[in-house]
Amino acid sequence: MKAERPLDRGAFMHERVYERIRDMIVDGRLAPGDRLIETTLAATLGVSRTPVRESIRRLLQEKWVVLQETGGVTVRRMSAKDLVDAYTTRAALEAVGGRLAAQNATRADVDRLRKLTLAERAAMEAGQLEKLSRLNTRFHDGVAVLSGNQPLLDALNGLAIHTVYYKRAIATAAQDPAWHAQYLTYVAHRLSDHERVVELLDAHAADEVEDWMRRHVVENADNLVKLLRLEPDAGSDVELSRIQLSTRPHP
């Protein structure tokens, strides 16, 4: 395993170790099925085994990793059901957040979100998919922050890491020319939704924003399942580092 930048020691050492290991799972440095070995991770991060051991326990509780019958701990292989469950919950939260955002948004807030959609469209037209993914996250975060509801933001933050896991895998797969056009069709539809939400926020149309955000997130989940050639209730394991997108046309 490649050596990581040593972590600064301090009061929040355990939290930083946890975040670093979790990030290693998200970005694929620790792939589905990889075993987490305390001594190796401790040496990689330049820390003792104690914060690594506590981080692994926390990752087990949060279901990022699983305990094998042999006693080892490995990175969990996510399923289609995991994706659908995460997005279903996120849809409900973002719908409420959108309603509150429509009530709270100022002209300056709307202008900031509109600039984000312009940047998204420029990134899409330039084929900058990684940048587009980051801007997409910034847009959703921007709407949620306007809700002014901290418990809602905390709940969304707990889900964000799971959806990023899938988005990163799909964005990587979309670099393959065979799937590039299909993926761009998906993101173009997603961007049109963002542009519509901005106009509704500007009109303070709370009911419409709530409905639009819910449908937008649910459709994202449906599109991802189709792109991954999965059935929502299949429950089959998906090795995200080896995703192949469907060749079937979108309905």
Protein backbone atom coordinates (compact mmCIF):
# COMPACT_ATOMS: atom_id res chain seq x y z
CA MET A 1 0.00 0.00 0.00
CA LYS A 2 1.32 3.43 -0.95
CA ALA A 3 2.45 5.54 2.00
CA GLU A 4 0.08 8.35 2.97
CA ARG A 5 1.02 11.80 4.25
CA PRO A 6 1.57 11.34 8.02
CA LEU A 7 -1.27 12.66 10.14
CA ASP A 8 -0.65 15.49 12.60
CA ARG A 9 -0.95 14.32 16.17
CA GLY A 10 -3.48 16.08 18.36
CA ALA A 11 -6.78 15.89 20.18
CA PHE A 12 -8.64 14.85 17.03
CA MET A 13 -6.20 12.15 15.92
CA HIS A 14 -8.77 9.34 16.13
CA GLU A 15 -11.26 11.27 14.01
CA ARG A 16 -8.64 12.08 11.39
CA VAL A 17 -7.54 8.44 11.19
CA TYR A 18 -11.15 7.38 10.73
CA GLU A 19 -11.72 9.97 8.00
CA ARG A 20 -8.53 9.01 6.16
CA ILE A 21 -9.38 5.30 6.10
CA ARG A 22 -12.95 6.04 5.05
CA ASP A 23 -11.66 8.27 2.23
CA MET A 24 -9.36 5.46 1.11
CA ILE A 25 -12.46 3.28 0.71
CA VAL A 26 -14.40 5.98 -1.13
CA ASP A 27 -11.71 6.75 -3.69
CA GLY A 28 -10.84 3.13 -4.34
CA ARG A 29 -7.42 2.88 -2.69
CA LEU A 30 -9.12 0.25 -0.53
CA ALA A 31 -11.30 -1.64 -3.00
CA PRO A 32 -14.34 -3.85 -2.30
CA GLY A 33 -13.08 -7.12 -0.84
CA ASP A 34 -9.71 -5.68 0.31
CA ARG A 35 -8.68 -6.67 3.82
CA LEU A 36 -8.00 -3.99 6.43
CA ILE A 37 -4.82 -4.91 8.29
CA GLU A 38 -4.13 -2.83 11.40
CA THR A 39 -0.35 -2.95 11.17
CA THR A 40 -0.32 -2.01 7.49
CA LEU A 41 -2.75 0.89 7.92
CA ALA A 42 -0.90 2.15 11.00
CA ALA A 43 2.39 2.17 9.10
CA THR A 44 0.76 3.80 6.05
CA LEU A 45 -0.76 6.61 8.13
CA GLY A 46 2.19 6.97 10.49
CA VAL A 47 0.16 6.30 13.64
CA SER A 48 -0.14 3.63 16.31
CA ARG A 49 -2.52 0.68 15.97
CA THR A 50 -4.95 2.05 18.60
CA PRO A 51 -6.66 4.75 16.48
CA VAL A 52 -6.67 2.37 13.51
CA ARG A 53 -8.38 -0.33 15.58
CA GLU A 54 -11.01 2.14 16.83
CA SER A 55 -11.58 3.42 13.29
CA ILE A 56 -12.16 -0.11 12.01
CA ARG A 57 -14.72 -0.69 14.77
CA ARG A 58 -16.52 2.48 13.72
CA LEU A 59 -16.43 1.48 10.05
CA LEU A 60 -17.93 -1.88 11.04
CA GLN A 61 -20.77 -0.12 12.86
CA GLU A 62 -21.41 2.08 9.82
CA LYS A 63 -21.27 -0.97 7.50
CA TRP A 64 -18.39 0.30 5.37
CA VAL A 65 -16.55 -2.90 6.17
CA VAL A 66 -17.64 -6.40 7.16
CA LEU A 67 -16.28 -9.05 9.51
CA GLN A 68 -15.38 -12.30 7.78
CA GLU A 69 -15.87 -15.77 9.29
CA THR A 70 -12.08 -16.07 9.47
CA GLY A 71 -11.99 -13.02 11.73
CA GLY A 72 -10.57 -10.61 9.16
CA VAL A 73 -12.24 -7.33 8.17
CA THR A 74 -12.77 -6.47 4.50
CA VAL A 75 -14.24 -3.56 2.56
CA ARG A 76 -17.92 -4.18 1.95
CA ARG A 77 -19.16 -4.91 -1.55
CA MET A 78 -22.09 -2.53 -2.11
CA SER A 79 -25.29 -3.74 -3.73
CA ALA A 80 -28.00 -2.20 -5.88
CA LYS A 81 -30.29 -2.22 -2.84
CA ASP A 82 -27.73 -0.14 -0.93
CA LEU A 83 -27.84 2.48 -3.69
CA VAL A 84 -31.62 2.58 -3.87
CA ASP A 85 -32.02 2.74 -0.08
CA ALA A 86 -29.54 5.63 0.21
CA TYR A 87 -31.13 7.62 -2.60
CA THR A 88 -34.69 6.99 -1.37
CA THR A 89 -33.78 8.44 2.01
CA ARG A 90 -31.88 11.31 0.41
CA ALA A 91 -34.88 12.13 -1.82
CA ALA A 92 -37.11 12.65 1.21
CA LEU A 93 -34.54 14.82 2.96
CA GLU A 94 -33.68 16.93 -0.09
CA ALA A 95 -37.38 17.49 -0.80
CA VAL A 96 -37.88 19.00 2.65
CA GLY A 97 -34.63 20.93 2.29
CA GLY A 98 -35.79 22.30 -1.04
CA ARG A 99 -39.08 23.52 0.42
CA LEU A 100 -37.26 25.35 3.21
CA ALA A 101 -34.70 26.74 0.76
CA ALA A 102 -37.50 28.21 -1.37
CA GLN A 103 -38.81 30.02 1.70
CA ASN A 104 -35.38 31.33 2.73
CA ALA A 105 -33.50 32.02 -0.52
CA THR A 106 -32.44 35.58 -1.27
CA ARG A 107 -31.67 36.94 -4.73
CA ALA A 108 -27.94 36.60 -3.94
CA ASP A 109 -28.48 32.94 -2.99
CA VAL A 110 -30.28 32.24 -6.25
CA ASP A 111 -27.58 34.01 -8.25
CA ARG A 112 -24.89 31.82 -6.65
CA LEU A 113 -26.79 28.67 -7.56
CA ARG A 114 -27.40 29.95 -11.08
CA LYS A 115 -23.65 30.52 -11.52
CA LEU A 116 -23.08 26.93 -10.41
CA THR A 117 -25.42 25.63 -13.11
CA LEU A 118 -23.58 27.71 -15.70
CA ALA A 119 -20.30 26.17 -14.53
CA GLU A 120 -21.90 22.71 -14.68
CA ARG A 121 -23.01 23.24 -18.28
CA ALA A 122 -19.55 24.49 -19.27
CA ALA A 123 -17.93 21.44 -17.64
CA MET A 124 -20.36 19.09 -19.38
CA GLU A 125 -19.72 20.66 -22.80
CA ALA A 126 -15.97 20.41 -22.19
CA GLY A 127 -16.29 16.76 -21.16
CA GLN A 128 -14.84 17.51 -17.70
CA LEU A 129 -16.74 14.80 -15.87
CA GLU A 130 -14.84 14.85 -12.58
CA LYS A 131 -15.33 18.62 -12.33
CA LEU A 132 -18.99 18.16 -13.23
CA SER A 133 -19.42 15.66 -10.41
CA ARG A 134 -17.89 18.10 -7.91
CA LEU A 135 -20.14 20.92 -9.13
CA ASN A 136 -23.17 18.67 -8.86
CA THR A 137 -22.35 18.01 -5.22
CA ARG A 138 -21.85 21.74 -4.61
CA PHE A 139 -25.28 22.48 -6.09
CA HIS A 140 -27.09 19.97 -3.90
CA ASP A 141 -25.15 21.12 -0.85
CA GLY A 142 -25.96 24.73 -1.73
CA VAL A 143 -29.70 24.08 -1.82
CA ALA A 144 -29.57 22.09 1.42
CA VAL A 145 -27.66 24.83 3.28
CA LEU A 146 -30.37 27.32 2.37
CA SER A 147 -32.81 25.21 4.40
CA GLY A 148 -31.18 26.55 7.58
CA ASN A 149 -32.02 23.21 9.23
CA GLN A 150 -28.97 21.70 10.94
CA PRO A 151 -30.49 18.27 11.78
CA LEU A 152 -31.43 17.90 8.11
CA LEU A 153 -27.91 18.87 7.04
CA ASP A 154 -26.42 16.35 9.49
CA ALA A 155 -28.65 13.59 8.10
CA LEU A 156 -27.71 14.44 4.51
CA ASN A 157 -24.04 14.52 5.43
CA GLY A 158 -24.37 10.97 6.74
CA LEU A 159 -25.72 9.86 3.35
CA ALA A 160 -23.40 11.94 1.18
CA ILE A 161 -20.43 9.66 1.57
CA HIS A 162 -22.44 6.71 0.23
CA THR A 163 -23.69 8.55 -2.85
CA VAL A 164 -20.21 9.89 -3.57
CA TYR A 165 -18.98 6.28 -3.57
CA TYR A 166 -21.28 5.43 -6.45
CA LYS A 167 -20.83 8.71 -8.32
CA ARG A 168 -17.05 8.30 -8.30
CA ALA A 169 -17.30 4.76 -9.69
CA ILE A 170 -19.67 5.79 -12.46
CA ALA A 171 -17.65 8.86 -13.39
CA THR A 172 -14.59 6.62 -13.71
CA ALA A 173 -16.47 4.14 -15.87
CA ALA A 174 -17.77 6.98 -18.04
CA GLN A 175 -14.22 7.77 -19.15
CA ASP A 176 -14.51 4.73 -21.43
CA PRO A 177 -15.47 6.06 -24.91
CA ALA A 178 -17.94 3.19 -25.32
CA TRP A 179 -20.09 4.61 -22.49
CA HIS A 180 -19.28 8.32 -22.72
CA ALA A 181 -22.30 9.37 -24.81
CA GLN A 182 -24.73 7.43 -22.65
CA TYR A 183 -23.33 8.97 -19.49
CA LEU A 184 -23.54 12.49 -20.94
CA THR A 185 -27.22 11.92 -21.72
CA TYR A 186 -27.73 11.12 -18.06
CA VAL A 187 -25.87 14.19 -16.76
CA ALA A 188 -27.54 16.51 -19.29
CA HIS A 189 -30.93 15.52 -17.91
CA ARG A 190 -29.65 16.04 -14.36
CA LEU A 191 -28.36 19.52 -15.23
CA SER A 192 -31.69 20.55 -16.76
CA ASP A 193 -33.29 19.66 -13.44
CA HIS A 194 -30.84 21.91 -11.60
CA GLU A 195 -31.64 24.83 -13.89
CA ARG A 196 -35.35 24.34 -13.29
CA VAL A 197 -34.87 24.22 -9.51
CA VAL A 198 -33.02 27.54 -9.62
CA GLU A 199 -35.94 29.21 -11.40
CA LEU A 200 -38.40 27.77 -8.87
CA LEU A 201 -36.25 28.95 -5.97
CA ASP A 202 -36.19 32.42 -7.50
CA ALA A 203 -40.00 32.35 -7.54
CA HIS A 204 -40.12 31.04 -3.93
CA ALA A 205 -42.31 28.20 -5.22
CA ALA A 206 -41.93 25.94 -2.17
CA ASP A 207 -44.38 23.21 -3.24
CA GLU A 208 -42.83 22.93 -6.69
CA VAL A 209 -39.24 22.88 -5.40
CA GLU A 210 -40.12 20.14 -2.91
CA ASP A 211 -41.69 18.01 -5.63
CA TRP A 212 -38.93 18.68 -8.15
CA MET A 213 -36.12 17.83 -5.74
CA ARG A 214 -37.80 14.58 -4.71
CA ARG A 215 -38.34 13.46 -8.31
CA HIS A 216 -34.86 14.58 -9.32
CA VAL A 217 -33.13 12.45 -6.67
CA VAL A 218 -35.36 9.42 -7.24
CA GLU A 219 -34.73 9.61 -11.00
CA ASN A 220 -31.01 9.82 -10.31
CA ALA A 221 -31.22 6.52 -8.46
CA ASP A 222 -33.25 4.94 -11.27
CA ASN A 223 -30.76 6.14 -13.88
CA LEU A 224 -27.80 4.87 -11.89
CA VAL A 225 -29.36 1.44 -11.54
CA LYS A 226 -29.94 1.34 -15.31
CA LEU A 227 -26.43 2.54 -16.05
CA LEU A 228 -25.04 -0.14 -13.76
CA ARG A 229 -27.29 -2.78 -15.35
CA LEU A 230 -28.78 -3.71 -12.00
CA GLU A 231 -32.25 -4.42 -10.68
CA PRO A 232 -33.25 -2.38 -7.60
CA ASP A 233 -34.18 -5.48 -5.61
CA ALA A 234 -31.44 -7.73 -6.92
CA GLY A 235 -29.30 -7.46 -3.82
CA SER A 236 -26.34 -8.75 -5.80
CA ASP A 237 -22.86 -7.55 -4.93
CA VAL A 238 -21.30 -4.90 -7.15
CA GLU A 239 -17.56 -4.49 -7.42
CA LEU A 240 -17.48 -0.76 -8.05
CA SER A 241 -13.92 -0.86 -9.33
CA ARG A 242 -15.08 -3.10 -12.19
CA ILE A 243 -18.37 -1.49 -13.22
CA GLN A 244 -19.62 -2.04 -16.75
CA LEU A 245 -22.40 0.22 -18.00
CA SER A 246 -25.37 -1.14 -19.84
CA THR A 247 -25.47 -1.06 -23.64
CA ARG A 248 -29.25 -0.95 -23.56
CA PRO A 249 -30.74 2.40 -24.58
CA HIS A 250 -32.50 4.47 -21.96
CA PRO A 251 -36.30 4.40 -22.16
